[in-house]
PDB file of N, CA and C in Angstrom:
ATOM      1  N   MET A   1     116.088  77.471  80.763  1.00  0.00           N
ATOM      2  CA  MET A   1     116.821  79.003  81.366  1.00  0.00           C
ATOM      3  C   MET A   1     115.535  80.042  80.819  1.00  0.00           C
ATOM      4  N   ASN A   2     114.921  80.986  81.559  1.00  0.00           N
ATOM      5  CA  ASN A   2     114.490  81.564  81.733  1.00  0.00           C
ATOM      6  C   ASN A   2     114.643  83.205  81.886  1.00  0.00           C
ATOM      7  N   LEU A   3     113.718  83.958  80.727  1.00  0.00           N
ATOM      8  CA  LEU A   3     114.762  85.394  80.382  1.00  0.00           C
ATOM      9  C   LEU A   3     113.655  86.335  80.640  1.00  0.00           C
ATOM     10  N   LYS A   4     113.446  87.598  80.819  1.00  0.00           N
ATOM     11  CA  LYS A   4     113.465  88.610  81.431  1.00  0.00           C
ATOM     12  C   LYS A   4     114.087  90.086  80.932  1.00  0.00           C
ATOM     13  N   LYS A   5     112.810  91.033  79.914  1.00  0.00           N
ATOM     14  CA  LYS A   5     113.207  91.858  79.725  1.00  0.00           C
ATOM     15  C   LYS A   5     113.560  93.457  80.347  1.00  0.00           C
ATOM     16  N   CYS A   6     114.824  93.867  81.429  1.00  0.00           N
ATOM     17  CA  CYS A   6     114.599  94.871  81.381  1.00  0.00           C
ATOM     18  C   CYS A   6     114.152  96.414  80.887  1.00  0.00           C
ATOM     19  N   PRO A   7     113.581  97.138  81.681  1.00  0.00           N
ATOM     20  CA  PRO A   7     113.046  98.401  80.672  1.00  0.00           C
ATOM     21  C   PRO A   7     113.750  99.018  80.346  1.00  0.00           C
ATOM     22  N   ARG A   8     114.567  99.179  81.114  1.00  0.00           N
ATOM     23  CA  ARG A   8     115.566 100.462  81.490  1.00  0.00           C
ATOM     24  C   ARG A   8     116.814 100.154  80.567  1.00  0.00           C
ATOM     25  N   CYS A   9     117.339  99.137  80.218  1.00  0.00           N
ATOM     26  CA  CYS A   9     118.310  98.870  80.102  1.00  0.00           C
ATOM     27  C   CYS A   9     118.167  98.537  78.616  1.00  0.00           C
ATOM     28  N   ALA A  10     116.972  97.442  78.602  1.00  0.00           N
ATOM     29  CA  ALA A  10     115.832  97.167  76.994  1.00  0.00           C
ATOM     30  C   ALA A  10     117.080  95.862  76.846  1.00  0.00           C
ATOM     31  N   THR A  11     117.712  95.681  77.289  1.00  0.00           N
ATOM     32  CA  THR A  11     117.888  93.592  77.346  1.00  0.00           C
ATOM     33  C   THR A  11     117.738  92.929  78.297  1.00  0.00           C
ATOM     34  N   GLU A  12     117.499  91.729  77.743  1.00  0.00           N
ATOM     35  CA  GLU A  12     116.944  90.562  78.017  1.00  0.00           C
ATOM     36  C   GLU A  12     118.213  89.834  78.681  1.00  0.00           C
ATOM     37  N   LYS A  13     117.853  89.231  79.938  1.00  0.00           N
ATOM     38  CA  LYS A  13     118.561  88.668  80.857  1.00  0.00           C
ATOM     39  C   LYS A  13     117.892  87.839  81.678  1.00  0.00           C
ATOM     40  N   THR A  14     118.785  86.368  82.346  1.00  0.00           N
ATOM     41  CA  THR A  14     118.171  85.840  82.842  1.00  0.00           C
ATOM     42  C   THR A  14     117.549  86.328  83.953  1.00  0.00           C
ATOM     43  N   ILE A  15     116.962  85.549  84.780  1.00  0.00           N
ATOM     44  CA  ILE A  15     116.375  85.890  85.991  1.00  0.00           C
ATOM     45  C   ILE A  15     116.442  85.971  86.936  1.00  0.00           C
ATOM     46  N   THR A  16     118.163  85.528  87.874  1.00  0.00           N
ATOM     47  CA  THR A  16     118.434  85.182  88.304  1.00  0.00           C
ATOM     48  C   THR A  16     119.665  86.665  88.170  1.00  0.00           C
ATOM     49  N   GLU A  17     118.776  87.793  87.085  1.00  0.00           N
ATOM     50  CA  GLU A  17     119.554  89.077  87.617  1.00  0.00           C
ATOM     51  C   GLU A  17     118.866  90.201  87.485  1.00  0.00           C
ATOM     52  N   PHE A  18     117.009  89.176  88.780  1.00  0.00           N
ATOM     53  CA  PHE A  18     116.572  90.137  88.878  1.00  0.00           C
ATOM     54  C   PHE A  18     115.953  89.843  90.642  1.00  0.00           C
ATOM     55  N   ASN A  19     116.087  91.178  91.488  1.00  0.00           N
ATOM     56  CA  ASN A  19     116.001  91.012  92.441  1.00  0.00           C
ATOM     57  C   ASN A  19     114.059  90.560  92.215  1.00  0.00           C
ATOM     58  N   SER A  20     113.644  89.641  93.698  1.00  0.00           N
ATOM     59  CA  SER A  20     112.542  89.281  94.486  1.00  0.00           C
ATOM     60  C   SER A  20     111.930  90.438  94.245  1.00  0.00           C
ATOM     61  N   ASN A  21     110.834  90.413  94.375  1.00  0.00           N
ATOM     62  CA  ASN A  21     109.231  91.422  94.602  1.00  0.00           C
ATOM     63  C   ASN A  21     108.085  90.907  94.419  1.00  0.00           C
ATOM     64  N   ARG A  22     107.557  90.397  95.392  1.00  0.00           N
ATOM     65  CA  ARG A  22     106.754  89.497  96.220  1.00  0.00           C
ATOM     66  C   ARG A  22     105.277  90.551  95.300  1.00  0.00           C
ATOM     67  N   ASN A  23     105.306  91.845  95.176  1.00  0.00           N
ATOM     68  CA  ASN A  23     104.140  92.610  94.912  1.00  0.00           C
ATOM     69  C   ASN A  23     103.560  93.014  93.067  1.00  0.00           C
ATOM     70  N   THR A  24     104.773  91.711  92.234  1.00  0.00           N
ATOM     71  CA  THR A  24     104.813  91.303  90.873  1.00  0.00           C
ATOM     72  C   THR A  24     104.341  90.526  90.165  1.00  0.00           C
ATOM     73  N   ARG A  25     103.486  90.213  89.330  1.00  0.00           N
ATOM     74  CA  ARG A  25     102.995  88.745  89.045  1.00  0.00           C
ATOM     75  C   ARG A  25     103.983  87.919  89.268  1.00  0.00           C
ATOM     76  N   ASP A  26     105.078  87.745  88.935  1.00  0.00           N
ATOM     77  CA  ASP A  26     106.393  86.867  88.164  1.00  0.00           C
ATOM     78  C   ASP A  26     106.717  86.754  89.929  1.00  0.00           C
ATOM     79  N   GLY A  27     106.706  88.472  90.590  1.00  0.00           N
ATOM     80  CA  GLY A  27     107.738  87.576  90.976  1.00  0.00           C
ATOM     81  C   GLY A  27     109.191  88.310  91.683  1.00  0.00           C
ATOM     82  N   LEU A  28     109.748  89.745  90.400  1.00  0.00           N
ATOM     83  CA  LEU A  28     110.541  89.944  90.569  1.00  0.00           C
ATOM     84  C   LEU A  28     110.729  91.402  90.082  1.00  0.00           C
ATOM     85  N   ASP A  29     112.048  91.952  90.251  1.00  0.00           N
ATOM     86  CA  ASP A  29     111.366  93.179  89.683  1.00  0.00           C
ATOM     87  C   ASP A  29     111.310  93.310  88.593  1.00  0.00           C
ATOM     88  N   ALA A  30     110.930  94.797  88.060  1.00  0.00           N
ATOM     89  CA  ALA A  30     110.749  94.981  87.096  1.00  0.00           C
ATOM     90  C   ALA A  30     112.124  95.306  86.191  1.00  0.00           C
ATOM     91  N   TYR A  31     112.858  96.051  86.837  1.00  0.00           N
ATOM     92  CA  TYR A  31     114.540  96.738  86.663  1.00  0.00           C
ATOM     93  C   TYR A  31     115.817  95.317  87.549  1.00  0.00           C
ATOM     94  N   CYS A  32     116.212  95.641  86.556  1.00  0.00           N
ATOM     95  CA  CYS A  32     117.391  94.139  86.778  1.00  0.00           C
ATOM     96  C   CYS A  32     118.230  94.843  87.602  1.00  0.00           C
ATOM     97  N   LYS A  33     119.267  93.727  88.120  1.00  0.00           N
ATOM     98  CA  LYS A  33     119.879  93.984  89.623  1.00  0.00           C
ATOM     99  C   LYS A  33     120.310  95.497  89.354  1.00  0.00           C
ATOM    100  N   LEU A  34     121.689  95.548  88.099  1.00  0.00           N
ATOM    101  CA  LEU A  34     121.964  96.614  87.851  1.00  0.00           C
ATOM    102  C   LEU A  34     121.429  97.694  87.810  1.00  0.00           C
ATOM    103  N   CYS A  35     120.536  97.533  86.638  1.00  0.00           N
ATOM    104  CA  CYS A  35     119.779  99.594  87.146  1.00  0.00           C
ATOM    105  C   CYS A  35     118.942  99.295  87.812  1.00  0.00           C
ATOM    106  N   ARG A  36     118.779  98.328  89.092  1.00  0.00           N
ATOM    107  CA  ARG A  36     117.498  98.881  90.136  1.00  0.00           C
ATOM    108  C   ARG A  36     118.851  99.831  90.885  1.00  0.00           C
ATOM    109  N   LYS A  37     119.908  99.076  90.970  1.00  0.00           N
ATOM    110  CA  LYS A  37     121.368  99.774  91.870  1.00  0.00           C
ATOM    111  C   LYS A  37     121.411 101.610  91.401  1.00  0.00           C
ATOM    112  N   ARG A  38     121.033 101.383  90.151  1.00  0.00           N
ATOM    113  CA  ARG A  38     121.448 102.973  89.425  1.00  0.00           C
ATOM    114  C   ARG A  38     120.425 103.214  89.991  1.00  0.00           C
ATOM    115  N   ILE A  39     119.536 103.416  89.281  1.00  0.00           N
ATOM    116  CA  ILE A  39     118.057 104.037  90.233  1.00  0.00           C
ATOM    117  C   ILE A  39     117.995 104.064  91.100  1.00  0.00           C
ATOM    118  N   ASN A  40     118.046 103.507  93.153  1.00  0.00           N
ATOM    119  CA  ASN A  40     118.623 103.626  94.110  1.00  0.00           C
ATOM    120  C   ASN A  40     119.081 104.886  93.917  1.00  0.00           C
ATOM    121  N   LYS A  41     120.957 104.662  93.384  1.00  0.00           N
ATOM    122  CA  LYS A  41     121.611 104.804  93.858  1.00  0.00           C
ATOM    123  C   LYS A  41     121.693 107.366  92.987  1.00  0.00           C
ATOM    124  N   ASP A  42     121.069 107.668  92.539  1.00  0.00           N
ATOM    125  CA  ASP A  42     120.518 108.166  91.278  1.00  0.00           C
ATOM    126  C   ASP A  42     118.923 109.669  91.826  1.00  0.00           C
ATOM    127  N   HIS A  43     118.637 108.456  92.716  1.00  0.00           N
ATOM    128  CA  HIS A  43     117.225 108.896  93.929  1.00  0.00           C
ATOM    129  C   HIS A  43     117.927 109.746  95.145  1.00  0.00           C
ATOM    130  N   GLY A  44     118.635 108.997  95.150  1.00  0.00           N
ATOM    131  CA  GLY A  44     119.693 109.154  96.912  1.00  0.00           C
ATOM    132  C   GLY A  44     120.781 110.408  96.154  1.00  0.00           C
ATOM    133  N   ASN A  45     120.594 110.386  95.072  1.00  0.00           N
ATOM    134  CA  ASN A  45     121.754 112.043  94.277  1.00  0.00           C
ATOM    135  C   ASN A  45     120.319 112.983  95.052  1.00  0.00           C
ATOM    136  N   LEU A  46     119.226 112.592  94.127  1.00  0.00           N
ATOM    137  CA  LEU A  46     118.405 113.977  93.932  1.00  0.00           C
ATOM    138  C   LEU A  46     117.149 114.026  95.088  1.00  0.00           C
ATOM    139  N   HIS A  47     117.609 112.967  96.014  1.00  0.00           N
ATOM    140  CA  HIS A  47     117.251 113.866  97.528  1.00  0.00           C
ATOM    141  C   HIS A  47     117.794 112.918  98.805  1.00  0.00           C
ATOM    142  N   PRO A  48     118.990 113.454  98.616  1.00  0.00           N
ATOM    143  CA  PRO A  48     119.722 113.901  99.867  1.00  0.00           C
ATOM    144  C   PRO A  48     118.518 114.158 101.265  1.00  0.00           C
ATOM    145  N   GLU A  49     117.579 114.118 101.553  1.00  0.00           N
ATOM    146  CA  GLU A  49     117.044 114.414 102.276  1.00  0.00           C
ATOM    147  C   GLU A  49     116.429 112.520 103.052  1.00  0.00           C
ATOM    148  N   TYR A  50     115.868 112.205 101.774  1.00  0.00           N
ATOM    149  CA  TYR A  50     115.162 110.854 102.584  1.00  0.00           C
ATOM    150  C   TYR A  50     117.228 110.389 102.504  1.00  0.00           C
ATOM    151  N   LYS A  51     118.034 109.716 101.995  1.00  0.00           N
ATOM    152  CA  LYS A  51     119.022 109.228 102.233  1.00  0.00           C
ATOM    153  C   LYS A  51     119.920 109.878 103.620  1.00  0.00           C
ATOM    154  N   LYS A  52     119.581 110.890 103.434  1.00  0.00           N
ATOM    155  CA  LYS A  52     120.616 111.331 105.179  1.00  0.00           C
ATOM    156  C   LYS A  52     119.716 110.631 106.624  1.00  0.00           C
ATOM    157  N   ARG A  53     118.219 110.295 106.370  1.00  0.00           N
ATOM    158  CA  ARG A  53     116.999 110.310 107.007  1.00  0.00           C
ATOM    159  C   ARG A  53     117.543 108.032 107.293  1.00  0.00           C
ATOM    160  N   ALA A  54     117.984 107.826 105.863  1.00  0.00           N
ATOM    161  CA  ALA A  54     117.597 106.312 106.429  1.00  0.00           C
ATOM    162  C   ALA A  54     118.801 106.590 106.460  1.00  0.00           C
ATOM    163  N   GLU A  55     120.805 106.283 106.601  1.00  0.00           N
ATOM    164  CA  GLU A  55     121.490 106.396 106.585  1.00  0.00           C
ATOM    165  C   GLU A  55     121.570 106.923 108.209  1.00  0.00           C
ATOM    166  N   ALA A  56     121.190 107.825 108.859  1.00  0.00           N
ATOM    167  CA  ALA A  56     121.003 107.710 109.495  1.00  0.00           C
ATOM    168  C   ALA A  56     119.805 107.174 111.636  1.00  0.00           C
ATOM    169  N   ASN A  57     118.821 106.455 110.694  1.00  0.00           N
ATOM    170  CA  ASN A  57     117.822 104.891 111.124  1.00  0.00           C
ATOM    171  C   ASN A  57     118.907 104.078 111.203  1.00  0.00           C
ATOM    172  N   MET A  58     120.024 103.894 109.902  1.00  0.00           N
ATOM    173  CA  MET A  58     120.904 102.044 110.071  1.00  0.00           C
ATOM    174  C   MET A  58     122.286 103.211 111.498  1.00  0.00           C
ATOM    175  N   ARG A  59     122.614 103.983 111.006  1.00  0.00           N
ATOM    176  CA  ARG A  59     123.021 103.908 111.951  1.00  0.00           C
ATOM    177  C   ARG A  59     122.601 103.883 113.664  1.00  0.00           C
ATOM    178  N   SER A  60     121.815 104.439 113.955  1.00  0.00           N
ATOM    179  CA  SER A  60     121.368 104.148 114.601  1.00  0.00           C
ATOM    180  C   SER A  60     120.843 102.712 115.408  1.00  0.00           C
ATOM    181  N   LYS A  61     119.880 102.055 114.224  1.00  0.00           N
ATOM    182  CA  LYS A  61     119.742 100.853 114.622  1.00  0.00           C
ATOM    183  C   LYS A  61     120.321 100.026 114.876  1.00  0.00           C
ATOM    184  N   TYR A  62     122.437  99.547 114.164  1.00  0.00           N
ATOM    185  CA  TYR A  62     123.131  99.507 115.008  1.00  0.00           C
ATOM    186  C   TYR A  62     123.577  99.487 115.652  1.00  0.00           C
ATOM    187  N   ARG A  63     124.153 101.217 116.625  1.00  0.00           N
ATOM    188  CA  ARG A  63     124.558 101.711 117.922  1.00  0.00           C
ATOM    189  C   ARG A  63     123.179 100.786 118.696  1.00  0.00           C
ATOM    190  N   ILE A  64     121.733 100.703 118.601  1.00  0.00           N
ATOM    191  CA  ILE A  64     120.743  99.553 119.547  1.00  0.00           C
ATOM    192  C   ILE A  64     121.534  98.759 119.814  1.00  0.00           C
ATOM    193  N   HIS A  65     121.936  97.786 118.581  1.00  0.00           N
ATOM    194  CA  HIS A  65     122.392  96.290 118.273  1.00  0.00           C
ATOM    195  C   HIS A  65     123.312  96.733 119.335  1.00  0.00           C
ATOM    196  N   ASN A  66     124.911  97.376 119.334  1.00  0.00           N
ATOM    197  CA  ASN A  66     125.980  96.687 119.768  1.00  0.00           C
ATOM    198  C   ASN A  66     125.659  97.484 121.028  1.00  0.00           C
ATOM    199  N   MET A  67     124.405  98.066 121.550  1.00  0.00           N
ATOM    200  CA  MET A  67     125.050  98.856 123.191  1.00  0.00           C
ATOM    201  C   MET A  67     124.340  97.785 124.392  1.00  0.00           C
ATOM    202  N   PHE A  68     122.889  97.593 123.274  1.00  0.00           N
ATOM    203  CA  PHE A  68     122.894  96.913 124.211  1.00  0.00           C
ATOM    204  C   PHE A  68     121.903  95.003 123.922  1.00  0.00           C
ATOM    205  N   GLY A  69     122.549  94.893 122.623  1.00  0.00           N
ATOM    206  CA  GLY A  69     122.142  92.966 122.340  1.00  0.00           C
ATOM    207  C   GLY A  69     120.995  92.812 121.741  1.00  0.00           C
ATOM    208  N   ILE A  70     120.385  93.970 120.924  1.00  0.00           N
ATOM    209  CA  ILE A  70     118.944  92.789 120.357  1.00  0.00           C
ATOM    210  C   ILE A  70     119.050  93.434 119.660  1.00  0.00           C
ATOM    211  N   PRO A  71     118.568  91.501 118.428  1.00  0.00           N
ATOM    212  CA  PRO A  71     118.701  91.508 117.338  1.00  0.00           C
ATOM    213  C   PRO A  71     118.403  92.579 115.967  1.00  0.00           C
ATOM    214  N   LEU A  72     119.133  92.364 115.470  1.00  0.00           N
ATOM    215  CA  LEU A  72     119.342  94.011 113.800  1.00  0.00           C
ATOM    216  C   LEU A  72     117.411  93.846 114.026  1.00  0.00           C
ATOM    217  N   GLU A  73     117.017  92.792 113.738  1.00  0.00           N
ATOM    218  CA  GLU A  73     115.040  92.555 113.084  1.00  0.00           C
ATOM    219  C   GLU A  73     114.794  92.773 113.452  1.00  0.00           C
ATOM    220  N   ASP A  74     114.707  91.831 115.584  1.00  0.00           N
ATOM    221  CA  ASP A  74     113.484  93.125 116.001  1.00  0.00           C
ATOM    222  C   ASP A  74     113.787  94.612 116.396  1.00  0.00           C
ATOM    223  N   ILE A  75     114.925  95.144 115.775  1.00  0.00           N
ATOM    224  CA  ILE A  75     114.629  95.921 116.323  1.00  0.00           C
ATOM    225  C   ILE A  75     113.665  96.595 115.134  1.00  0.00           C
ATOM    226  N   ASP A  76     112.794  98.015 115.175  1.00  0.00           N
ATOM    227  CA  ASP A  76     111.631  98.765 114.697  1.00  0.00           C
ATOM    228  C   ASP A  76     112.048  99.597 113.987  1.00  0.00           C
ATOM    229  N   TYR A  77     112.137 100.458 112.883  1.00  0.00           N
ATOM    230  CA  TYR A  77     112.761 101.360 112.262  1.00  0.00           C
ATOM    231  C   TYR A  77     111.765 102.719 112.529  1.00  0.00           C
ATOM    232  N   SER A  78     110.434 102.240 113.081  1.00  0.00           N
ATOM    233  CA  SER A  78     109.697 103.259 113.104  1.00  0.00           C
ATOM    234  C   SER A  78     110.339 104.426 114.289  1.00  0.00           C
ATOM    235  N   MET A  79     109.859 103.192 115.108  1.00  0.00           N
ATOM    236  CA  MET A  79     110.266 103.289 116.860  1.00  0.00           C
ATOM    237  C   MET A  79     111.893 103.986 117.346  1.00  0.00           C
ATOM    238  N   ILE A  80     112.497 104.074 116.443  1.00  0.00           N
ATOM    239  CA  ILE A  80     114.349 104.699 117.313  1.00  0.00           C
ATOM    240  C   ILE A  80     113.639 105.538 117.557  1.00  0.00           C
ATOM    241  N   SER A  81     114.292 106.361 118.787  1.00  0.00           N
ATOM    242  CA  SER A  81     113.937 107.432 119.039  1.00  0.00           C
ATOM    243  C   SER A  81     115.059 108.255 118.209  1.00  0.00           C
ATOM    244  N   ALA A  82     115.284 109.855 118.548  1.00  0.00           N
ATOM    245  CA  ALA A  82     115.621 110.511 117.811  1.00  0.00           C
ATOM    246  C   ALA A  82     117.215 110.300 118.283  1.00  0.00           C
ATOM    247  N   ASP A  83     117.964 110.809 119.305  1.00  0.00           N
ATOM    248  CA  ASP A  83     119.380 110.727 120.118  1.00  0.00           C
ATOM    249  C   ASP A  83     119.095 109.768 121.181  1.00  0.00           C
ATOM    250  N   ILE A  84     120.285 109.218 120.811  1.00  0.00           N
ATOM    251  CA  ILE A  84     119.198 107.484 122.576  1.00  0.00           C
ATOM    252  C   ILE A  84     120.587 108.267 123.442  1.00  0.00           C
ATOM    253  N   GLU A  85     121.764 109.244 122.929  1.00  0.00           N
ATOM    254  CA  GLU A  85     122.781 108.638 124.493  1.00  0.00           C
ATOM    255  C   GLU A  85     122.137 110.265 125.057  1.00  0.00           C
ATOM    256  N   SER A  86     121.615 111.562 124.503  1.00  0.00           N
ATOM    257  CA  SER A  86     121.068 112.386 125.879  1.00  0.00           C
ATOM    258  C   SER A  86     119.443 111.729 126.150  1.00  0.00           C
ATOM    259  N   GLN A  87     118.994 110.639 125.286  1.00  0.00           N
ATOM    260  CA  GLN A  87     118.144 110.560 126.028  1.00  0.00           C
ATOM    261  C   GLN A  87     118.002 109.418 126.403  1.00  0.00           C
ATOM    262  N   LYS A  88     117.490 108.803 127.874  1.00  0.00           N
ATOM    263  CA  LYS A  88     117.722 107.075 128.530  1.00  0.00           C
ATOM    264  C   LYS A  88     117.120 106.824 127.887  1.00  0.00           C
ATOM    265  N   PHE A  89     118.061 106.172 126.347  1.00  0.00           N
ATOM    266  CA  PHE A  89     116.877 104.770 125.556  1.00  0.00           C
ATOM    267  C   PHE A  89     115.331 104.773 124.948  1.00  0.00           C
ATOM    268  N   ILE A  90     114.992 105.732 125.112  1.00  0.00           N
ATOM    269  CA  ILE A  90     113.284 105.563 125.230  1.00  0.00           C
ATOM    270  C   ILE A  90     112.871 105.204 123.781  1.00  0.00           C
ATOM    271  N   SER A  91     113.329 103.845 123.926  1.00  0.00           N
ATOM    272  CA  SER A  91     112.470 103.013 122.518  1.00  0.00           C
ATOM    273  C   SER A  91     111.681 101.408 123.079  1.00  0.00           C
ATOM    274  N   LEU A  92     110.937 101.409 121.636  1.00  0.00           N
ATOM    275  CA  LEU A  92     110.042 100.783 122.224  1.00  0.00           C
ATOM    276  C   LEU A  92     110.572  99.445 120.991  1.00  0.00           C
ATOM    277  N   VAL A  93     110.897  97.745 121.421  1.00  0.00           N
ATOM    278  CA  VAL A  93     111.010  96.824 120.464  1.00  0.00           C
ATOM    279  C   VAL A  93     110.280  96.230 119.333  1.00  0.00           C
ATOM    280  N   LYS A  94     109.942  95.230 119.219  1.00  0.00           N
ATOM    281  CA  LYS A  94     108.809  94.530 118.664  1.00  0.00           C
ATOM    282  C   LYS A  94     109.027  93.550 119.423  1.00  0.00           C
ATOM    283  N   GLY A  95     107.476  93.049 120.143  1.00  0.00           N
ATOM    284  CA  GLY A  95     106.928  92.094 120.768  1.00  0.00           C
ATOM    285  C   GLY A  95     107.784  92.124 122.076  1.00  0.00           C
ATOM    286  N   SER A  96     108.346  92.758 122.562  1.00  0.00           N
ATOM    287  CA  SER A  96     108.835  93.842 124.099  1.00  0.00           C
ATOM    288  C   SER A  96     109.636  92.331 124.831  1.00  0.00           C
ATOM    289  N   LYS A  97     110.157  92.053 124.022  1.00  0.00           N
ATOM    290  CA  LYS A  97     111.076  90.316 124.915  1.00  0.00           C
ATOM    291  C   LYS A  97     112.424  90.687 124.916  1.00  0.00           C
ATOM    292  N   HIS A  98     112.729  91.421 125.095  1.00  0.00           N
ATOM    293  CA  HIS A  98     114.963  92.240 125.147  1.00  0.00           C
ATOM    294  C   HIS A  98     114.155  93.248 126.410  1.00  0.00           C
ATOM    295  N   ALA A  99     115.188  92.687 126.993  1.00  0.00           N
ATOM    296  CA  ALA A  99     115.401  94.116 129.001  1.00  0.00           C
ATOM    297  C   ALA A  99     116.176  95.125 128.225  1.00  0.00           C
ATOM    298  N   ILE A 100     114.915  96.568 128.243  1.00  0.00           N
ATOM    299  CA  ILE A 100     115.349  97.592 127.173  1.00  0.00           C
ATOM    300  C   ILE A 100     115.894  98.782 128.152  1.00  0.00           C
ATOM    301  N   GLY A 101     117.780  98.614 127.784  1.00  0.00           N
ATOM    302  CA  GLY A 101     118.169 100.081 129.178  1.00  0.00           C
ATOM    303  C   GLY A 101     119.219  98.810 129.496  1.00  0.00           C
ATOM    304  N   LYS A 102     119.043  97.839 129.527  1.00  0.00           N
ATOM    305  CA  LYS A 102     120.339  96.898 130.047  1.00  0.00           C
ATOM    306  C   LYS A 102     121.299  96.162 129.772  1.00  0.00           C
ATOM    307  N   SER A 103     122.669  97.155 129.784  1.00  0.00           N
ATOM    308  CA  SER A 103     123.025  96.754 127.961  1.00  0.00           C
ATOM    309  C   SER A 103     123.771  94.231 128.873  1.00  0.00           C
ATOM    310  N   THR A 104     123.475  94.221 127.798  1.00  0.00           N
ATOM    311  CA  THR A 104     123.747  92.167 127.881  1.00  0.00           C
ATOM    312  C   THR A 104     125.205  91.802 126.696  1.00  0.00           C
ATOM    313  N   VAL A 105     125.995  93.380 125.938  1.00  0.00           N
ATOM    314  CA  VAL A 105     126.902  92.745 125.573  1.00  0.00           C
ATOM    315  C   VAL A 105     128.087  92.615 126.720  1.00  0.00           C
ATOM    316  N   GLY A 106     128.812  92.217 126.371  1.00  0.00           N
ATOM    317  CA  GLY A 106     129.369  91.142 126.955  1.00  0.00           C
ATOM    318  C   GLY A 106     129.627  90.577 128.250  1.00  0.00           C
ATOM    319  N   ARG A 107     128.097  89.652 128.393  1.00  0.00           N
ATOM    320  CA  ARG A 107     128.226  89.122 129.595  1.00  0.00           C
ATOM    321  C   ARG A 107     128.357  87.878 129.772  1.00  0.00           C
TER     322      ARG A 107
END
């Protein structure tokens, strides 16, 4: 049983209680899942502008998915237009393999 110490709560926990992170030597996040959740929540509360932007991007992504049937993983956050109702849905999709502007939902 492998153990790792979380620097925030200072407790040793099993490695299953840590998220994966390819950028670290051991492949695990420095903080346990519970502490990482608290850190992310605190950051969202301290910086509401980031939280608001992230929520708006997620809503836009799901709206595009529901309207056009494009898989979520093919929608790039950085390419989503600000308001898809007022514009004629000007957005680029990764790989351009989906028909943009034509609804495929319900067909």
